[in-house]
Amino acid sequence: MSDPAAPQPPRRRHLMDPNAPRPAPRPSSGMSMGQVQRWVMSVLAVTTIGHLSAGLVVAAIYLDTTRPGAQVGVDVIAGIIGVLGVAAGFLIHQKSPLRPWLLLGLIPALVGLFFIL
């Protein structure tokens, strides 16, 4: 048998030690999981809808030039979709979507109008 006076080997760290419980988690100053998810969702929504708006602008530029009204119509639709994309970002954060920032959604449409007209 083993000598009772011999020192015991140190307890392995991956095992639970009732004499040394883990320290309580400290409240961090970072964002919570819900806040991070909300930011990721809003960034994904705004960039995806913004790309859709920009794609419509590119499509409007390459439309048949014999009907300029169609180009302007698709460009207006792109502007509406861009504004809705920015509004979606605010709604995901549960904020009022009626803000001056909505004008950012019109930027692709204004660039498209510059190239169309």
PDB file of N, CA and C in Angstrom:
ATOM      1  N   MET A   1       0.829  -1.173   0.000  1.00  0.00           N
ATOM      2  CA  MET A   1       0.000   0.000   0.000  1.00  0.00           C
ATOM      3  C   MET A   1       0.875   1.239   0.000  1.00  0.00           C
ATOM      4  N   SER A   2       0.234   2.363  -0.117  1.00  0.00           N
ATOM      5  CA  SER A   2       0.996   3.607  -0.203  1.00  0.00           C
ATOM      6  C   SER A   2       1.189   4.210   1.181  1.00  0.00           C
ATOM      7  N   ASP A   3       2.168   5.039   1.285  1.00  0.00           N
ATOM      8  CA  ASP A   3       2.501   5.704   2.529  1.00  0.00           C
ATOM      9  C   ASP A   3       1.497   6.832   2.767  1.00  0.00           C
ATOM     10  N   PRO A   4       0.765   6.842   3.930  1.00  0.00           N
ATOM     11  CA  PRO A   4      -0.226   7.898   4.164  1.00  0.00           C
ATOM     12  C   PRO A   4       0.407   9.267   4.347  1.00  0.00           C
ATOM     13  N   ALA A   5       1.674   9.338   4.671  1.00  0.00           N
ATOM     14  CA  ALA A   5       2.329  10.625   4.870  1.00  0.00           C
ATOM     15  C   ALA A   5       2.801  11.227   3.560  1.00  0.00           C
ATOM     16  N   ALA A   6       2.745  10.468   2.482  1.00  0.00           N
ATOM     17  CA  ALA A   6       3.208  10.976   1.183  1.00  0.00           C
ATOM     18  C   ALA A   6       2.240  12.053   0.685  1.00  0.00           C
ATOM     19  N   PRO A   7       2.779  13.103   0.087  1.00  0.00           N
ATOM     20  CA  PRO A   7       1.883  14.164  -0.409  1.00  0.00           C
ATOM     21  C   PRO A   7       1.028  13.653  -1.570  1.00  0.00           C
ATOM     22  N   GLN A   8      -0.204  14.106  -1.575  1.00  0.00           N
ATOM     23  CA  GLN A   8      -1.109  13.703  -2.647  1.00  0.00           C
ATOM     24  C   GLN A   8      -0.779  14.499  -3.902  1.00  0.00           C
ATOM     25  N   PRO A   9      -0.947  13.873  -5.042  1.00  0.00           N
ATOM     26  CA  PRO A   9      -0.690  14.626  -6.280  1.00  0.00           C
ATOM     27  C   PRO A   9      -1.725  15.738  -6.434  1.00  0.00           C
ATOM     28  N   PRO A  10      -1.350  16.816  -7.064  1.00  0.00           N
ATOM     29  CA  PRO A  10      -2.312  17.916  -7.221  1.00  0.00           C
ATOM     30  C   PRO A  10      -3.514  17.468  -8.052  1.00  0.00           C
ATOM     31  N   ARG A  11      -4.656  18.003  -7.690  1.00  0.00           N
ATOM     32  CA  ARG A  11      -5.892  17.660  -8.387  1.00  0.00           C
ATOM     33  C   ARG A  11      -5.843  18.207  -9.808  1.00  0.00           C
ATOM     34  N   ARG A  12      -6.321  17.404 -10.733  1.00  0.00           N
ATOM     35  CA  ARG A  12      -6.325  17.852 -12.121  1.00  0.00           C
ATOM     36  C   ARG A  12      -7.281  19.025 -12.282  1.00  0.00           C
ATOM     37  N   ARG A  13      -6.908  19.958 -13.139  1.00  0.00           N
ATOM     38  CA  ARG A  13      -7.650  21.211 -13.255  1.00  0.00           C
ATOM     39  C   ARG A  13      -8.993  21.034 -13.941  1.00  0.00           C
ATOM     40  N   HIS A  14      -9.143  19.999 -14.752  1.00  0.00           N
ATOM     41  CA  HIS A  14     -10.406  19.845 -15.462  1.00  0.00           C
ATOM     42  C   HIS A  14     -11.485  19.202 -14.593  1.00  0.00           C
ATOM     43  N   LEU A  15     -11.123  18.762 -13.396  1.00  0.00           N
ATOM     44  CA  LEU A  15     -12.094  18.165 -12.493  1.00  0.00           C
ATOM     45  C   LEU A  15     -12.604  19.213 -11.512  1.00  0.00           C
ATOM     46  N   MET A  16     -13.822  19.017 -11.034  1.00  0.00           N
ATOM     47  CA  MET A  16     -14.401  19.954 -10.081  1.00  0.00           C
ATOM     48  C   MET A  16     -13.754  19.756  -8.705  1.00  0.00           C
ATOM     49  N   ASP A  17     -13.406  20.846  -8.068  1.00  0.00           N
ATOM     50  CA  ASP A  17     -12.824  20.798  -6.736  1.00  0.00           C
ATOM     51  C   ASP A  17     -13.788  21.505  -5.791  1.00  0.00           C
ATOM     52  N   PRO A  18     -14.459  20.764  -4.892  1.00  0.00           N
ATOM     53  CA  PRO A  18     -15.419  21.425  -3.997  1.00  0.00           C
ATOM     54  C   PRO A  18     -14.758  22.393  -3.027  1.00  0.00           C
ATOM     55  N   ASN A  19     -13.467  22.258  -2.793  1.00  0.00           N
ATOM     56  CA  ASN A  19     -12.779  23.166  -1.877  1.00  0.00           C
ATOM     57  C   ASN A  19     -12.375  24.468  -2.557  1.00  0.00           C
ATOM     58  N   ALA A  20     -12.408  24.501  -3.866  1.00  0.00           N
ATOM     59  CA  ALA A  20     -12.021  25.709  -4.599  1.00  0.00           C
ATOM     60  C   ALA A  20     -13.022  25.941  -5.743  1.00  0.00           C
ATOM     61  N   PRO A  21     -14.214  26.466  -5.412  1.00  0.00           N
ATOM     62  CA  PRO A  21     -15.203  26.687  -6.479  1.00  0.00           C
ATOM     63  C   PRO A  21     -14.737  27.775  -7.446  1.00  0.00           C
ATOM     64  N   ARG A  22     -15.284  27.713  -8.622  1.00  0.00           N
ATOM     65  CA  ARG A  22     -14.933  28.722  -9.624  1.00  0.00           C
ATOM     66  C   ARG A  22     -15.431  30.090  -9.180  1.00  0.00           C
ATOM     67  N   PRO A  23     -14.709  31.136  -9.529  1.00  0.00           N
ATOM     68  CA  PRO A  23     -15.171  32.476  -9.142  1.00  0.00           C
ATOM     69  C   PRO A  23     -16.448  32.837  -9.899  1.00  0.00           C
ATOM     70  N   ALA A  24     -17.263  33.633  -9.243  1.00  0.00           N
ATOM     71  CA  ALA A  24     -18.513  34.082  -9.867  1.00  0.00           C
ATOM     72  C   ALA A  24     -18.183  34.975 -11.058  1.00  0.00           C
ATOM     73  N   PRO A  25     -18.934  34.863 -12.130  1.00  0.00           N
ATOM     74  CA  PRO A  25     -18.645  35.707 -13.293  1.00  0.00           C
ATOM     75  C   PRO A  25     -18.884  37.180 -12.970  1.00  0.00           C
ATOM     76  N   ARG A  26     -17.947  37.985 -13.409  1.00  0.00           N
ATOM     77  CA  ARG A  26     -18.056  39.421 -13.185  1.00  0.00           C
ATOM     78  C   ARG A  26     -18.928  40.035 -14.270  1.00  0.00           C
ATOM     79  N   PRO A  27     -19.743  40.997 -13.911  1.00  0.00           N
ATOM     80  CA  PRO A  27     -20.526  41.655 -14.968  1.00  0.00           C
ATOM     81  C   PRO A  27     -19.585  42.421 -15.892  1.00  0.00           C
ATOM     82  N   SER A  28     -19.674  42.119 -17.155  1.00  0.00           N
ATOM     83  CA  SER A  28     -18.773  42.769 -18.108  1.00  0.00           C
ATOM     84  C   SER A  28     -19.384  44.080 -18.586  1.00  0.00           C
ATOM     85  N   SER A  29     -18.536  44.939 -19.045  1.00  0.00           N
ATOM     86  CA  SER A  29     -19.005  46.227 -19.543  1.00  0.00           C
ATOM     87  C   SER A  29     -19.376  46.137 -21.014  1.00  0.00           C
ATOM     88  N   GLY A  30     -19.219  44.960 -21.632  1.00  0.00           N
ATOM     89  CA  GLY A  30     -19.542  44.777 -23.044  1.00  0.00           C
ATOM     90  C   GLY A  30     -21.041  44.632 -23.255  1.00  0.00           C
ATOM     91  N   MET A  31     -21.382  44.329 -24.488  1.00  0.00           N
ATOM     92  CA  MET A  31     -22.790  44.192 -24.837  1.00  0.00           C
ATOM     93  C   MET A  31     -23.278  42.787 -24.504  1.00  0.00           C
ATOM     94  N   SER A  32     -24.570  42.689 -24.256  1.00  0.00           N
ATOM     95  CA  SER A  32     -25.158  41.383 -23.992  1.00  0.00           C
ATOM     96  C   SER A  32     -25.348  40.630 -25.304  1.00  0.00           C
ATOM     97  N   MET A  33     -25.673  39.375 -25.195  1.00  0.00           N
ATOM     98  CA  MET A  33     -25.868  38.543 -26.380  1.00  0.00           C
ATOM     99  C   MET A  33     -27.018  39.079 -27.233  1.00  0.00           C
ATOM    100  N   GLY A  34     -28.077  39.535 -26.585  1.00  0.00           N
ATOM    101  CA  GLY A  34     -29.215  40.082 -27.328  1.00  0.00           C
ATOM    102  C   GLY A  34     -28.848  41.338 -28.104  1.00  0.00           C
ATOM    103  N   GLN A  35     -28.035  42.189 -27.496  1.00  0.00           N
ATOM    104  CA  GLN A  35     -27.612  43.405 -28.193  1.00  0.00           C
ATOM    105  C   GLN A  35     -26.741  43.072 -29.392  1.00  0.00           C
ATOM    106  N   VAL A  36     -25.844  42.123 -29.242  1.00  0.00           N
ATOM    107  CA  VAL A  36     -24.974  41.733 -30.357  1.00  0.00           C
ATOM    108  C   VAL A  36     -25.806  41.132 -31.480  1.00  0.00           C
ATOM    109  N   GLN A  37     -26.763  40.284 -31.131  1.00  0.00           N
ATOM    110  CA  GLN A  37     -27.621  39.688 -32.156  1.00  0.00           C
ATOM    111  C   GLN A  37     -28.426  40.754 -32.887  1.00  0.00           C
ATOM    112  N   ARG A  38     -28.893  41.750 -32.145  1.00  0.00           N
ATOM    113  CA  ARG A  38     -29.670  42.826 -32.769  1.00  0.00           C
ATOM    114  C   ARG A  38     -28.808  43.618 -33.748  1.00  0.00           C
ATOM    115  N   TRP A  39     -27.558  43.904 -33.349  1.00  0.00           N
ATOM    116  CA  TRP A  39     -26.664  44.643 -34.244  1.00  0.00           C
ATOM    117  C   TRP A  39     -26.314  43.837 -35.482  1.00  0.00           C
ATOM    118  N   VAL A  40     -26.039  42.560 -35.299  1.00  0.00           N
ATOM    119  CA  VAL A  40     -25.708  41.720 -36.452  1.00  0.00           C
ATOM    120  C   VAL A  40     -26.894  41.647 -37.399  1.00  0.00           C
ATOM    121  N   MET A  41     -28.083  41.469 -36.846  1.00  0.00           N
ATOM    122  CA  MET A  41     -29.282  41.376 -37.682  1.00  0.00           C
ATOM    123  C   MET A  41     -29.532  42.675 -38.437  1.00  0.00           C
ATOM    124  N   SER A  42     -29.366  43.811 -37.773  1.00  0.00           N
ATOM    125  CA  SER A  42     -29.629  45.080 -38.454  1.00  0.00           C
ATOM    126  C   SER A  42     -28.590  45.359 -39.533  1.00  0.00           C
ATOM    127  N   VAL A  43     -27.331  45.035 -39.263  1.00  0.00           N
ATOM    128  CA  VAL A  43     -26.293  45.241 -40.282  1.00  0.00           C
ATOM    129  C   VAL A  43     -26.548  44.350 -41.489  1.00  0.00           C
ATOM    130  N   LEU A  44     -26.907  43.094 -41.243  1.00  0.00           N
ATOM    131  CA  LEU A  44     -27.209  42.194 -42.356  1.00  0.00           C
ATOM    132  C   LEU A  44     -28.417  42.673 -43.154  1.00  0.00           C
ATOM    133  N   ALA A  45     -29.452  43.124 -42.464  1.00  0.00           N
ATOM    134  CA  ALA A  45     -30.657  43.579 -43.163  1.00  0.00           C
ATOM    135  C   ALA A  45     -30.367  44.820 -43.999  1.00  0.00           C
ATOM    136  N   VAL A  46     -29.687  45.795 -43.418  1.00  0.00           N
ATOM    137  CA  VAL A  46     -29.432  47.048 -44.137  1.00  0.00           C
ATOM    138  C   VAL A  46     -28.505  46.814 -45.329  1.00  0.00           C
ATOM    139  N   THR A  47     -27.456  46.017 -45.157  1.00  0.00           N
ATOM    140  CA  THR A  47     -26.542  45.793 -46.282  1.00  0.00           C
ATOM    141  C   THR A  47     -27.194  44.951 -47.372  1.00  0.00           C
ATOM    142  N   THR A  48     -27.990  43.963 -46.995  1.00  0.00           N
ATOM    143  CA  THR A  48     -28.659  43.140 -48.005  1.00  0.00           C
ATOM    144  C   THR A  48     -29.663  43.961 -48.796  1.00  0.00           C
ATOM    145  N   ILE A  49     -30.469  44.740 -48.111  1.00  0.00           N
ATOM    146  CA  ILE A  49     -31.461  45.564 -48.802  1.00  0.00           C
ATOM    147  C   ILE A  49     -30.765  46.671 -49.584  1.00  0.00           C
ATOM    148  N   GLY A  50     -29.661  47.185 -49.060  1.00  0.00           N
ATOM    149  CA  GLY A  50     -28.893  48.192 -49.802  1.00  0.00           C
ATOM    150  C   GLY A  50     -28.317  47.637 -51.091  1.00  0.00           C
ATOM    151  N   HIS A  51     -27.851  46.399 -51.049  1.00  0.00           N
ATOM    152  CA  HIS A  51     -27.349  45.779 -52.274  1.00  0.00           C
ATOM    153  C   HIS A  51     -28.481  45.550 -53.280  1.00  0.00           C
ATOM    154  N   LEU A  52     -29.658  45.203 -52.793  1.00  0.00           N
ATOM    155  CA  LEU A  52     -30.806  45.062 -53.689  1.00  0.00           C
ATOM    156  C   LEU A  52     -31.119  46.391 -54.360  1.00  0.00           C
ATOM    157  N   SER A  53     -31.091  47.462 -53.587  1.00  0.00           N
ATOM    158  CA  SER A  53     -31.345  48.790 -54.136  1.00  0.00           C
ATOM    159  C   SER A  53     -30.286  49.170 -55.167  1.00  0.00           C
ATOM    160  N   ALA A  54     -29.033  48.909 -54.855  1.00  0.00           N
ATOM    161  CA  ALA A  54     -27.958  49.223 -55.803  1.00  0.00           C
ATOM    162  C   ALA A  54     -28.069  48.367 -57.061  1.00  0.00           C
ATOM    163  N   GLY A  55     -28.481  47.122 -56.909  1.00  0.00           N
ATOM    164  CA  GLY A  55     -28.677  46.265 -58.077  1.00  0.00           C
ATOM    165  C   GLY A  55     -29.785  46.772 -58.976  1.00  0.00           C
ATOM    166  N   LEU A  56     -30.838  47.294 -58.380  1.00  0.00           N
ATOM    167  CA  LEU A  56     -31.911  47.880 -59.189  1.00  0.00           C
ATOM    168  C   LEU A  56     -31.427  49.129 -59.922  1.00  0.00           C
ATOM    169  N   VAL A  57     -30.564  49.890 -59.296  1.00  0.00           N
ATOM    170  CA  VAL A  57     -30.010  51.075 -59.964  1.00  0.00           C
ATOM    171  C   VAL A  57     -29.171  50.651 -61.160  1.00  0.00           C
ATOM    172  N   VAL A  58     -28.342  49.638 -60.982  1.00  0.00           N
ATOM    173  CA  VAL A  58     -27.526  49.146 -62.100  1.00  0.00           C
ATOM    174  C   VAL A  58     -28.430  48.617 -63.205  1.00  0.00           C
ATOM    175  N   ALA A  59     -29.494  47.917 -62.830  1.00  0.00           N
ATOM    176  CA  ALA A  59     -30.438  47.424 -63.836  1.00  0.00           C
ATOM    177  C   ALA A  59     -31.111  48.580 -64.563  1.00  0.00           C
ATOM    178  N   ALA A  60     -31.435  49.645 -63.844  1.00  0.00           N
ATOM    179  CA  ALA A  60     -32.070  50.803 -64.476  1.00  0.00           C
ATOM    180  C   ALA A  60     -31.122  51.475 -65.460  1.00  0.00           C
ATOM    181  N   ILE A  61     -29.846  51.505 -65.132  1.00  0.00           N
ATOM    182  CA  ILE A  61     -28.874  52.134 -66.033  1.00  0.00           C
ATOM    183  C   ILE A  61     -28.770  51.347 -67.333  1.00  0.00           C
ATOM    184  N   TYR A  62     -28.839  50.033 -67.256  1.00  0.00           N
ATOM    185  CA  TYR A  62     -28.676  49.194 -68.444  1.00  0.00           C
ATOM    186  C   TYR A  62     -29.995  48.860 -69.146  1.00  0.00           C
ATOM    187  N   LEU A  63     -31.097  49.424 -68.704  1.00  0.00           N
ATOM    188  CA  LEU A  63     -32.369  49.201 -69.399  1.00  0.00           C
ATOM    189  C   LEU A  63     -32.339  49.865 -70.770  1.00  0.00           C
ATOM    190  N   ASP A  64     -33.271  49.453 -71.590  1.00  0.00           N
ATOM    191  CA  ASP A  64     -33.394  50.014 -72.934  1.00  0.00           C
ATOM    192  C   ASP A  64     -33.622  51.523 -72.841  1.00  0.00           C
ATOM    193  N   THR A  65     -32.808  52.296 -73.554  1.00  0.00           N
ATOM    194  CA  THR A  65     -32.883  53.758 -73.449  1.00  0.00           C
ATOM    195  C   THR A  65     -33.991  54.349 -74.305  1.00  0.00           C
ATOM    196  N   THR A  66     -34.702  53.524 -75.062  1.00  0.00           N
ATOM    197  CA  THR A  66     -35.812  54.079 -75.848  1.00  0.00           C
ATOM    198  C   THR A  66     -36.984  54.437 -74.954  1.00  0.00           C
ATOM    199  N   ARG A  67     -37.006  53.911 -73.756  1.00  0.00           N
ATOM    200  CA  ARG A  67     -38.067  54.237 -72.793  1.00  0.00           C
ATOM    201  C   ARG A  67     -37.429  54.787 -71.518  1.00  0.00           C
ATOM    202  N   PRO A  68     -37.087  56.068 -71.492  1.00  0.00           N
ATOM    203  CA  PRO A  68     -36.425  56.616 -70.301  1.00  0.00           C
ATOM    204  C   PRO A  68     -37.331  56.620 -69.072  1.00  0.00           C
ATOM    205  N   GLY A  69     -38.630  56.610 -69.273  1.00  0.00           N
ATOM    206  CA  GLY A  69     -39.538  56.560 -68.125  1.00  0.00           C
ATOM    207  C   GLY A  69     -39.381  55.275 -67.337  1.00  0.00           C
ATOM    208  N   ALA A  70     -39.066  54.185 -68.034  1.00  0.00           N
ATOM    209  CA  ALA A  70     -38.858  52.912 -67.344  1.00  0.00           C
ATOM    210  C   ALA A  70     -37.604  52.970 -66.480  1.00  0.00           C
ATOM    211  N   GLN A  71     -36.566  53.630 -66.988  1.00  0.00           N
ATOM    212  CA  GLN A  71     -35.338  53.759 -66.201  1.00  0.00           C
ATOM    213  C   GLN A  71     -35.597  54.553 -64.928  1.00  0.00           C
ATOM    214  N   VAL A  72     -36.306  55.651 -65.069  1.00  0.00           N
ATOM    215  CA  VAL A  72     -36.597  56.486 -63.896  1.00  0.00           C
ATOM    216  C   VAL A  72     -37.502  55.729 -62.927  1.00  0.00           C
ATOM    217  N   GLY A  73     -38.458  54.977 -63.452  1.00  0.00           N
ATOM    218  CA  GLY A  73     -39.355  54.206 -62.587  1.00  0.00           C
ATOM    219  C   GLY A  73     -38.614  53.171 -61.760  1.00  0.00           C
ATOM    220  N   VAL A  74     -37.707  52.436 -62.394  1.00  0.00           N
ATOM    221  CA  VAL A  74     -36.929  51.436 -61.654  1.00  0.00           C
ATOM    222  C   VAL A  74     -36.024  52.129 -60.643  1.00  0.00           C
ATOM    223  N   ASP A  75     -35.517  53.299 -60.993  1.00  0.00           N
ATOM    224  CA  ASP A  75     -34.661  54.043 -60.069  1.00  0.00           C
ATOM    225  C   ASP A  75     -35.459  54.535 -58.865  1.00  0.00           C
ATOM    226  N   VAL A  76     -36.684  54.958 -59.089  1.00  0.00           N
ATOM    227  CA  VAL A  76     -37.543  55.389 -57.969  1.00  0.00           C
ATOM    228  C   VAL A  76     -37.842  54.196 -57.058  1.00  0.00           C
ATOM    229  N   ILE A  77     -38.105  53.043 -57.659  1.00  0.00           N
ATOM    230  CA  ILE A  77     -38.333  51.835 -56.855  1.00  0.00           C
ATOM    231  C   ILE A  77     -37.087  51.510 -56.031  1.00  0.00           C
ATOM    232  N   ALA A  78     -35.910  51.684 -56.627  1.00  0.00           N
ATOM    233  CA  ALA A  78     -34.663  51.446 -55.893  1.00  0.00           C
ATOM    234  C   ALA A  78     -34.544  52.403 -54.709  1.00  0.00           C
ATOM    235  N   GLY A  79     -34.951  53.653 -54.893  1.00  0.00           N
ATOM    236  CA  GLY A  79     -34.914  54.610 -53.789  1.00  0.00           C
ATOM    237  C   GLY A  79     -35.865  54.233 -52.665  1.00  0.00           C
ATOM    238  N   ILE A  80     -37.062  53.774 -53.036  1.00  0.00           N
ATOM    239  CA  ILE A  80     -38.032  53.355 -52.018  1.00  0.00           C
ATOM    240  C   ILE A  80     -37.498  52.156 -51.242  1.00  0.00           C
ATOM    241  N   ILE A  81     -36.916  51.203 -51.949  1.00  0.00           N
ATOM    242  CA  ILE A  81     -36.369  50.020 -51.275  1.00  0.00           C
ATOM    243  C   ILE A  81     -35.192  50.408 -50.378  1.00  0.00           C
ATOM    244  N   GLY A  82     -34.367  51.353 -50.818  1.00  0.00           N
ATOM    245  CA  GLY A  82     -33.257  51.811 -49.984  1.00  0.00           C
ATOM    246  C   GLY A  82     -33.736  52.455 -48.694  1.00  0.00           C
ATOM    247  N   VAL A  83     -34.777  53.270 -48.791  1.00  0.00           N
ATOM    248  CA  VAL A  83     -35.339  53.912 -47.595  1.00  0.00           C
ATOM    249  C   VAL A  83     -35.933  52.856 -46.668  1.00  0.00           C
ATOM    250  N   LEU A  84     -36.618  51.867 -47.247  1.00  0.00           N
ATOM    251  CA  LEU A  84     -37.181  50.798 -46.419  1.00  0.00           C
ATOM    252  C   LEU A  84     -36.076  49.986 -45.734  1.00  0.00           C
ATOM    253  N   GLY A  85     -34.932  49.839 -46.388  1.00  0.00           N
ATOM    254  CA  GLY A  85     -33.813  49.119 -45.776  1.00  0.00           C
ATOM    255  C   GLY A  85     -33.268  49.842 -44.558  1.00  0.00           C
ATOM    256  N   VAL A  86     -33.115  51.147 -44.670  1.00  0.00           N
ATOM    257  CA  VAL A  86     -32.636  51.926 -43.518  1.00  0.00           C
ATOM    258  C   VAL A  86     -33.679  51.897 -42.401  1.00  0.00           C
ATOM    259  N   ALA A  87     -34.954  51.980 -42.776  1.00  0.00           N
ATOM    260  CA  ALA A  87     -36.022  51.914 -41.770  1.00  0.00           C
ATOM    261  C   ALA A  87     -36.023  50.557 -41.072  1.00  0.00           C
ATOM    262  N   ALA A  88     -35.724  49.496 -41.812  1.00  0.00           N
ATOM    263  CA  ALA A  88     -35.670  48.162 -41.200  1.00  0.00           C
ATOM    264  C   ALA A  88     -34.585  48.099 -40.129  1.00  0.00           C
ATOM    265  N   GLY A  89     -33.466  48.761 -40.372  1.00  0.00           N
ATOM    266  CA  GLY A  89     -32.408  48.794 -39.364  1.00  0.00           C
ATOM    267  C   GLY A  89     -32.867  49.451 -38.075  1.00  0.00           C
ATOM    268  N   PHE A  90     -33.626  50.524 -38.196  1.00  0.00           N
ATOM    269  CA  PHE A  90     -34.138  51.189 -36.994  1.00  0.00           C
ATOM    270  C   PHE A  90     -35.201  50.348 -36.304  1.00  0.00           C
ATOM    271  N   LEU A  91     -36.050  49.698 -37.088  1.00  0.00           N
ATOM    272  CA  LEU A  91     -37.107  48.891 -36.489  1.00  0.00           C
ATOM    273  C   LEU A  91     -36.542  47.678 -35.758  1.00  0.00           C
ATOM    274  N   ILE A  92     -35.451  47.118 -36.242  1.00  0.00           N
ATOM    275  CA  ILE A  92     -34.830  45.988 -35.543  1.00  0.00           C
ATOM    276  C   ILE A  92     -34.350  46.425 -34.163  1.00  0.00           C
ATOM    277  N   HIS A  93     -33.885  47.673 -34.062  1.00  0.00           N
ATOM    278  CA  HIS A  93     -33.448  48.212 -32.768  1.00  0.00           C
ATOM    279  C   HIS A  93     -34.607  48.802 -31.973  1.00  0.00           C
ATOM    280  N   GLN A  94     -35.826  48.620 -32.463  1.00  0.00           N
ATOM    281  CA  GLN A  94     -37.043  49.108 -31.814  1.00  0.00           C
ATOM    282  C   GLN A  94     -37.006  50.617 -31.615  1.00  0.00           C
ATOM    283  N   LYS A  95     -36.514  51.314 -32.631  1.00  0.00           N
ATOM    284  CA  LYS A  95     -36.488  52.774 -32.639  1.00  0.00           C
ATOM    285  C   LYS A  95     -37.467  53.265 -33.702  1.00  0.00           C
ATOM    286  N   SER A  96     -37.860  54.489 -33.589  1.00  0.00           N
ATOM    287  CA  SER A  96     -38.749  55.066 -34.594  1.00  0.00           C
ATOM    288  C   SER A  96     -38.007  55.175 -35.925  1.00  0.00           C
ATOM    289  N   PRO A  97     -38.613  54.685 -37.007  1.00  0.00           N
ATOM    290  CA  PRO A  97     -37.912  54.744 -38.296  1.00  0.00           C
ATOM    291  C   PRO A  97     -37.964  56.122 -38.944  1.00  0.00           C
ATOM    292  N   LEU A  98     -38.759  57.020 -38.416  1.00  0.00           N
ATOM    293  CA  LEU A  98     -38.890  58.345 -39.020  1.00  0.00           C
ATOM    294  C   LEU A  98     -37.783  59.259 -38.503  1.00  0.00           C
ATOM    295  N   ARG A  99     -36.650  59.204 -39.164  1.00  0.00           N
ATOM    296  CA  ARG A  99     -35.472  59.983 -38.782  1.00  0.00           C
ATOM    297  C   ARG A  99     -34.816  60.539 -40.032  1.00  0.00           C
ATOM    298  N   PRO A 100     -33.991  61.544 -39.891  1.00  0.00           N
ATOM    299  CA  PRO A 100     -33.281  62.073 -41.065  1.00  0.00           C
ATOM    300  C   PRO A 100     -32.343  61.052 -41.708  1.00  0.00           C
ATOM    301  N   TRP A 101     -31.960  60.026 -40.973  1.00  0.00           N
ATOM    302  CA  TRP A 101     -31.074  58.998 -41.519  1.00  0.00           C
ATOM    303  C   TRP A 101     -31.719  58.236 -42.673  1.00  0.00           C
ATOM    304  N   LEU A 102     -33.027  58.321 -42.815  1.00  0.00           N
ATOM    305  CA  LEU A 102     -33.702  57.643 -43.921  1.00  0.00           C
ATOM    306  C   LEU A 102     -33.208  58.147 -45.270  1.00  0.00           C
ATOM    307  N   LEU A 103     -32.701  59.369 -45.296  1.00  0.00           N
ATOM    308  CA  LEU A 103     -32.202  59.922 -46.557  1.00  0.00           C
ATOM    309  C   LEU A 103     -31.003  59.139 -47.090  1.00  0.00           C
ATOM    310  N   LEU A 104     -30.325  58.394 -46.228  1.00  0.00           N
ATOM    311  CA  LEU A 104     -29.213  57.562 -46.702  1.00  0.00           C
ATOM    312  C   LEU A 104     -29.689  56.501 -47.690  1.00  0.00           C
ATOM    313  N   GLY A 105     -30.920  56.069 -47.542  1.00  0.00           N
ATOM    314  CA  GLY A 105     -31.462  55.074 -48.453  1.00  0.00           C
ATOM    315  C   GLY A 105     -31.660  55.599 -49.860  1.00  0.00           C
ATOM    316  N   LEU A 106     -31.678  56.911 -50.018  1.00  0.00           N
ATOM    317  CA  LEU A 106     -31.864  57.513 -51.338  1.00  0.00           C
ATOM    318  C   LEU A 106     -30.561  57.666 -52.111  1.00  0.00           C
ATOM    319  N   ILE A 107     -29.439  57.452 -51.475  1.00  0.00           N
ATOM    320  CA  ILE A 107     -28.151  57.671 -52.145  1.00  0.00           C
ATOM    321  C   ILE A 107     -27.991  56.820 -53.400  1.00  0.00           C
ATOM    322  N   PRO A 108     -28.276  55.506 -53.376  1.00  0.00           N
ATOM    323  CA  PRO A 108     -28.136  54.748 -54.627  1.00  0.00           C
ATOM    324  C   PRO A 108     -29.047  55.275 -55.733  1.00  0.00           C
ATOM    325  N   ALA A 109     -30.259  55.672 -55.383  1.00  0.00           N
ATOM    326  CA  ALA A 109     -31.189  56.183 -56.394  1.00  0.00           C
ATOM    327  C   ALA A 109     -30.698  57.511 -56.970  1.00  0.00           C
ATOM    328  N   LEU A 110     -30.132  58.362 -56.139  1.00  0.00           N
ATOM    329  CA  LEU A 110     -29.620  59.640 -56.635  1.00  0.00           C
ATOM    330  C   LEU A 110     -28.423  59.430 -57.556  1.00  0.00           C
ATOM    331  N   VAL A 111     -27.568  58.482 -57.208  1.00  0.00           N
ATOM    332  CA  VAL A 111     -26.441  58.154 -58.089  1.00  0.00           C
ATOM    333  C   VAL A 111     -26.965  57.609 -59.413  1.00  0.00           C
ATOM    334  N   GLY A 112     -27.994  56.780 -59.340  1.00  0.00           N
ATOM    335  CA  GLY A 112     -28.592  56.245 -60.559  1.00  0.00           C
ATOM    336  C   GLY A 112     -29.201  57.329 -61.424  1.00  0.00           C
ATOM    337  N   LEU A 113     -29.874  58.291 -60.800  1.00  0.00           N
ATOM    338  CA  LEU A 113     -30.447  59.399 -61.576  1.00  0.00           C
ATOM    339  C   LEU A 113     -29.353  60.218 -62.247  1.00  0.00           C
ATOM    340  N   PHE A 114     -28.219  60.352 -61.589  1.00  0.00           N
ATOM    341  CA  PHE A 114     -27.104  61.074 -62.192  1.00  0.00           C
ATOM    342  C   PHE A 114     -26.662  60.396 -63.487  1.00  0.00           C
ATOM    343  N   PHE A 115     -26.594  59.077 -63.493  1.00  0.00           N
ATOM    344  CA  PHE A 115     -26.157  58.356 -64.689  1.00  0.00           C
ATOM    345  C   PHE A 115     -27.262  58.215 -65.728  1.00  0.00           C
ATOM    346  N   ILE A 116     -28.504  58.209 -65.300  1.00  0.00           N
ATOM    347  CA  ILE A 116     -29.614  58.043 -66.244  1.00  0.00           C
ATOM    348  C   ILE A 116     -29.911  59.345 -66.976  1.00  0.00           C
ATOM    349  N   LEU A 117     -29.966  60.430 -66.233  1.00  0.00           N
ATOM    350  CA  LEU A 117     -30.373  61.712 -66.839  1.00  0.00           C
ATOM    351  C   LEU A 117     -29.222  62.508 -67.371  1.00  0.00           C
TER     352      LEU A 117
END
